[in-house]
Amino acid sequence: MTELVNVGTDEDPVLDVVFVHGLDGDPYKSWSAKRKDSFWPEWLGRDIEGLSIWSLGYDAASSRWLGDSMPIQDRAINSLAELQGHGIGQRPLCFVTHSMGDLVVEEMLLHAADGRADYTTPEDGDRDLDLYQHSARLIAHEVENRLSATG
């Protein structure tokens, strides 16, 4: 099962931030300490204006003894559909990933870039490409900023 949790959205967001957990993770516990008020995606929203912050949850058991999961390619298609259903990818996008979450996001971007997702219509394919292009521009911009700061 895929769950997309809206952590917080400003009135006029300019950036979507999606947290994607890894193996045996959870959309809340993976980004929290044991003490109260330690959910750091919420902290990000309090510290930086203009964000729409989300946490993606999905079954990612490391063993059948611990629960269910699905192949990464299928999880990526399922997650991409969930993000699109909430309008994520229509503005610049940033993923914060951990462990297997990185692999899921990488596969989502590959599907979006070359239109491999089976559920897409031609119109959806355009949105998929927008998702990929926004992400690629954001990553390139961040790399450029870090390089200029160190050079």
Protein backbone atom coordinates (compact mmCIF):
# COMPACT_ATOMS: atom_id res chain seq x y z
CA MET A 1 0.00 0.00 0.00
CA THR A 2 1.23 3.51 -0.84
CA GLU A 3 0.48 6.40 1.50
CA LEU A 4 1.30 10.02 0.74
CA VAL A 5 1.23 12.21 3.84
CA ASN A 6 0.95 15.99 3.48
CA VAL A 7 3.24 17.24 6.23
CA GLY A 8 2.51 20.88 5.46
CA THR A 9 1.92 23.22 2.55
CA ASP A 10 2.40 27.00 2.45
CA GLU A 11 -0.28 29.14 0.80
CA ASP A 12 1.70 29.64 -2.39
CA PRO A 13 4.39 26.92 -2.52
CA VAL A 14 7.24 27.17 -5.01
CA LEU A 15 8.84 23.79 -4.26
CA ASP A 16 7.56 20.29 -3.48
CA VAL A 17 9.73 18.31 -1.04
CA VAL A 18 9.03 14.58 -0.82
CA PHE A 19 10.62 12.38 1.85
CA VAL A 20 10.96 8.72 0.79
CA HIS A 21 11.98 6.17 3.44
CA GLY A 22 13.96 2.99 2.98
CA LEU A 23 13.71 -0.64 4.02
CA ASP A 24 11.46 -1.32 7.00
CA GLY A 25 10.67 2.40 7.04
CA ASP A 26 7.61 4.45 7.72
CA PRO A 27 6.51 7.92 6.52
CA TYR A 28 6.70 9.21 10.12
CA LYS A 29 9.10 7.08 12.16
CA SER A 30 11.89 7.14 9.55
CA TRP A 31 12.18 10.91 9.94
CA SER A 32 11.66 11.19 13.72
CA ALA A 33 13.52 10.64 16.94
CA LYS A 34 11.79 9.03 19.91
CA ARG A 35 11.11 12.34 21.65
CA LYS A 36 7.99 14.41 21.07
CA ASP A 37 8.01 17.01 18.27
CA SER A 38 11.00 15.47 16.51
CA PHE A 39 9.49 14.99 13.02
CA TRP A 40 12.08 16.90 11.04
CA PRO A 41 10.04 17.32 7.83
CA GLU A 42 7.82 19.58 9.98
CA TRP A 43 10.91 21.50 11.12
CA LEU A 44 11.83 22.11 7.49
CA GLY A 45 8.41 23.62 6.84
CA ARG A 46 8.74 25.89 9.87
CA ASP A 47 12.22 27.07 8.87
CA ILE A 48 11.73 27.59 5.13
CA GLU A 49 8.78 29.34 3.51
CA GLY A 50 7.27 28.37 0.18
CA LEU A 51 7.39 24.61 0.56
CA SER A 52 4.87 21.84 0.11
CA ILE A 53 6.25 18.96 2.18
CA TRP A 54 5.19 15.35 1.78
CA SER A 55 6.25 11.98 3.16
CA LEU A 56 5.75 8.91 1.00
CA GLY A 57 5.03 5.65 2.77
CA TYR A 58 5.02 2.21 1.17
CA ASP A 59 5.49 -1.43 2.13
CA ALA A 60 9.23 -2.08 2.19
CA ALA A 61 9.87 -5.08 4.38
CA SER A 62 13.43 -6.36 4.34
CA SER A 63 12.16 -9.90 4.87
CA ARG A 64 8.91 -11.78 4.31
CA TRP A 65 8.90 -12.42 8.05
CA LEU A 66 8.53 -8.69 8.61
CA GLY A 67 5.82 -7.95 6.06
CA ASP A 68 5.13 -7.29 2.42
CA SER A 69 6.85 -5.39 -0.36
CA MET A 70 6.82 -5.27 -4.16
CA PRO A 71 9.52 -5.07 -6.83
CA ILE A 72 11.16 -1.65 -7.06
CA GLN A 73 9.97 -1.08 -10.63
CA ASP A 74 6.35 -1.72 -9.64
CA ARG A 75 6.75 0.38 -6.50
CA ALA A 76 8.13 3.23 -8.60
CA ILE A 77 5.18 3.19 -11.01
CA ASN A 78 2.74 3.01 -8.10
CA SER A 79 4.47 5.86 -6.26
CA LEU A 80 4.72 8.02 -9.37
CA ALA A 81 0.97 7.68 -9.89
CA GLU A 82 0.37 8.64 -6.25
CA LEU A 83 2.55 11.75 -6.58
CA GLN A 84 0.86 12.79 -9.82
CA GLY A 85 -2.55 12.27 -8.27
CA HIS A 86 -1.66 14.95 -5.72
CA GLY A 87 -0.26 17.36 -8.32
CA ILE A 88 3.34 16.81 -7.27
CA GLY A 89 5.75 17.55 -10.10
CA GLN A 90 3.90 20.57 -11.49
CA ARG A 91 6.47 22.83 -9.79
CA PRO A 92 10.13 22.20 -8.92
CA LEU A 93 10.63 19.09 -6.86
CA CYS A 94 13.17 17.86 -4.32
CA PHE A 95 13.39 14.30 -2.98
CA VAL A 96 14.90 13.46 0.40
CA THR A 97 15.61 9.75 0.39
CA HIS A 98 17.02 7.07 2.63
CA SER A 99 18.27 3.61 1.68
CA MET A 100 15.85 1.89 -0.70
CA GLY A 101 13.94 5.17 -1.07
CA ASP A 102 16.78 6.36 -3.28
CA LEU A 103 16.34 3.37 -5.58
CA VAL A 104 12.57 3.92 -5.76
CA VAL A 105 13.03 7.60 -6.68
CA GLU A 106 15.71 6.77 -9.24
CA GLU A 107 13.34 4.31 -10.89
CA MET A 108 10.48 6.85 -10.78
CA LEU A 109 12.65 9.42 -12.56
CA LEU A 110 13.67 6.88 -15.18
CA HIS A 111 10.02 6.03 -15.83
CA ALA A 112 9.12 9.71 -16.02
CA ALA A 113 12.03 10.52 -18.33
CA ASP A 114 11.36 7.91 -20.97
CA GLY A 115 7.63 7.34 -20.55
CA ARG A 116 7.97 3.70 -19.47
CA ALA A 117 5.14 3.94 -16.96
CA ASP A 118 2.35 1.64 -18.16
CA TYR A 119 -0.49 3.72 -16.71
CA THR A 120 0.30 6.93 -18.62
CA THR A 121 -1.73 8.51 -21.36
CA PRO A 122 -0.02 10.96 -23.78
CA GLU A 123 -1.08 13.82 -21.49
CA ASP A 124 0.33 12.01 -18.44
CA GLY A 125 3.58 11.43 -20.31
CA ASP A 126 3.99 15.19 -20.61
CA ARG A 127 3.49 15.55 -16.84
CA ASP A 128 5.98 12.73 -16.24
CA LEU A 129 8.56 14.56 -18.32
CA ASP A 130 7.85 17.79 -16.41
CA LEU A 131 8.48 15.92 -13.14
CA TYR A 132 11.82 14.67 -14.43
CA GLN A 133 12.86 18.03 -15.91
CA HIS A 134 11.96 19.96 -12.74
CA SER A 135 13.94 17.48 -10.64
CA ALA A 136 16.93 17.56 -12.98
CA ARG A 137 16.99 21.38 -13.00
CA LEU A 138 16.81 21.51 -9.21
CA ILE A 139 19.66 19.01 -8.82
CA ALA A 140 21.80 20.86 -11.41
CA HIS A 141 21.14 24.17 -9.65
CA GLU A 142 22.13 22.76 -6.26
CA VAL A 143 25.32 21.22 -7.65
CA GLU A 144 26.19 24.52 -9.31
CA ASN A 145 25.60 26.43 -6.04
CA ARG A 146 27.79 24.03 -4.06
CA LEU A 147 30.57 24.14 -6.64
CA SER A 148 30.59 27.93 -6.72
CA ALA A 149 30.63 28.05 -2.92
CA THR A 150 33.70 25.81 -2.75
CA GLY A 151 35.54 27.34 -5.74
